[in-house]
Amino acid sequence: MPGVDRDALPLADLQHQAFAKAREAHDVGFFWDLAKHLRSTRALAAEDGSAGGVTGSITEAVEVVRELLGNRPLTDVGDDEPLLRAKLTDYLRG
Protein backbone atom coordinates (compact mmCIF):
# COMPACT_ATOMS: atom_id res chain seq x y z
CA MET A 1 0.00 0.00 0.00
CA PRO A 2 1.79 3.11 -1.17
CA GLY A 3 1.65 6.09 1.16
CA VAL A 4 0.84 4.03 4.26
CA ASP A 5 3.10 4.53 7.27
CA ARG A 6 3.25 0.94 8.44
CA ASP A 7 5.38 1.91 11.43
CA ALA A 8 2.33 3.71 12.82
CA LEU A 9 -0.04 0.75 12.35
CA PRO A 10 -0.96 -1.49 15.28
CA LEU A 11 0.70 -4.90 15.25
CA ALA A 12 -2.68 -6.58 14.62
CA ASP A 13 -3.15 -4.55 11.40
CA LEU A 14 0.34 -5.43 10.17
CA GLN A 15 -0.33 -9.07 10.95
CA HIS A 16 -3.65 -9.03 9.11
CA GLN A 17 -2.09 -7.49 5.99
CA ALA A 18 1.00 -9.73 5.97
CA PHE A 19 -1.01 -12.89 6.63
CA ALA A 20 -3.43 -12.05 3.82
CA LYS A 21 -0.49 -11.54 1.45
CA ALA A 22 1.14 -14.82 2.56
CA ARG A 23 -2.12 -16.78 2.24
CA GLU A 24 -2.71 -15.41 -1.25
CA ALA A 25 0.84 -16.36 -2.25
CA HIS A 26 0.64 -19.74 -0.44
CA ASP A 27 3.83 -18.67 1.31
CA VAL A 28 4.19 -21.32 4.02
CA GLY A 29 7.81 -20.30 4.49
CA PHE A 30 6.71 -16.91 5.78
CA PHE A 31 4.60 -18.52 8.52
CA TRP A 32 7.35 -20.98 9.42
CA ASP A 33 9.96 -18.22 9.63
CA LEU A 34 7.67 -16.12 11.79
CA ALA A 35 6.91 -19.04 14.12
CA LYS A 36 10.62 -19.78 14.57
CA HIS A 37 11.16 -16.30 15.98
CA LEU A 38 8.39 -16.31 18.57
CA ARG A 39 9.29 -16.72 22.23
CA SER A 40 7.11 -19.77 22.83
CA THR A 41 8.53 -21.75 19.91
CA ARG A 42 12.08 -20.80 20.88
CA ALA A 43 11.36 -22.19 24.34
CA LEU A 44 10.29 -25.48 22.81
CA ALA A 45 13.44 -25.68 20.71
CA ALA A 46 15.57 -25.06 23.80
CA GLU A 47 14.14 -27.98 25.79
CA ASP A 48 16.79 -30.43 26.95
CA GLY A 49 14.74 -33.55 26.32
CA SER A 50 13.54 -33.95 29.89
CA ALA A 51 9.81 -33.99 30.51
CA GLY A 52 10.09 -31.10 32.98
CA GLY A 53 8.98 -28.12 30.90
CA VAL A 54 8.09 -29.78 27.63
CA THR A 55 4.35 -29.91 28.25
CA GLY A 56 4.09 -26.17 28.81
CA SER A 57 6.29 -25.41 25.83
CA ILE A 58 4.33 -27.69 23.53
CA THR A 59 1.07 -26.12 24.66
CA GLU A 60 2.49 -22.66 23.99
CA ALA A 61 3.80 -23.70 20.57
CA VAL A 62 0.42 -25.17 19.63
CA GLU A 63 -1.24 -21.90 20.59
CA VAL A 64 1.22 -19.97 18.42
CA VAL A 65 0.42 -22.22 15.46
CA ARG A 66 -3.31 -21.72 16.06
CA GLU A 67 -2.78 -17.96 16.12
CA LEU A 68 -0.70 -18.06 12.95
CA LEU A 69 -3.12 -20.25 11.02
CA GLY A 70 -6.27 -18.66 12.38
CA ASN A 71 -7.25 -15.11 11.75
CA ARG A 72 -6.62 -14.00 15.32
CA PRO A 73 -4.10 -11.35 16.31
CA LEU A 74 -0.90 -12.62 17.88
CA THR A 75 -1.20 -12.17 21.62
CA ASP A 76 1.25 -11.85 24.48
CA VAL A 77 4.23 -11.27 22.21
CA GLY A 78 5.98 -9.15 24.83
CA ASP A 79 9.60 -8.51 23.95
CA ASP A 80 9.06 -10.13 20.53
CA GLU A 81 6.91 -7.24 19.30
CA PRO A 82 9.74 -5.16 17.72
CA LEU A 83 11.06 -8.23 15.88
CA LEU A 84 7.58 -9.25 14.72
CA ARG A 85 6.77 -5.71 13.65
CA ALA A 86 9.99 -5.57 11.60
CA LYS A 87 9.39 -8.99 9.99
CA LEU A 88 5.78 -8.15 9.09
CA THR A 89 6.72 -4.73 7.72
CA ASP A 90 9.61 -6.16 5.67
CA TYR A 91 7.33 -8.86 4.27
CA LEU A 92 4.74 -6.29 3.22
CA ARG A 93 7.41 -4.16 1.51
CA GLY A 94 8.79 -7.13 -0.42
Foldseek 3Di string as FASTA:
>chain_A
DPPDDLVPDDQLVLLLVLLVVCVVVVPVVLLVVLLCLAPLQVVCVPDPPDPVCNVVSVVVSVVSVCVSPPSHGDPPRPPCVVVSSVSSVVSVVD
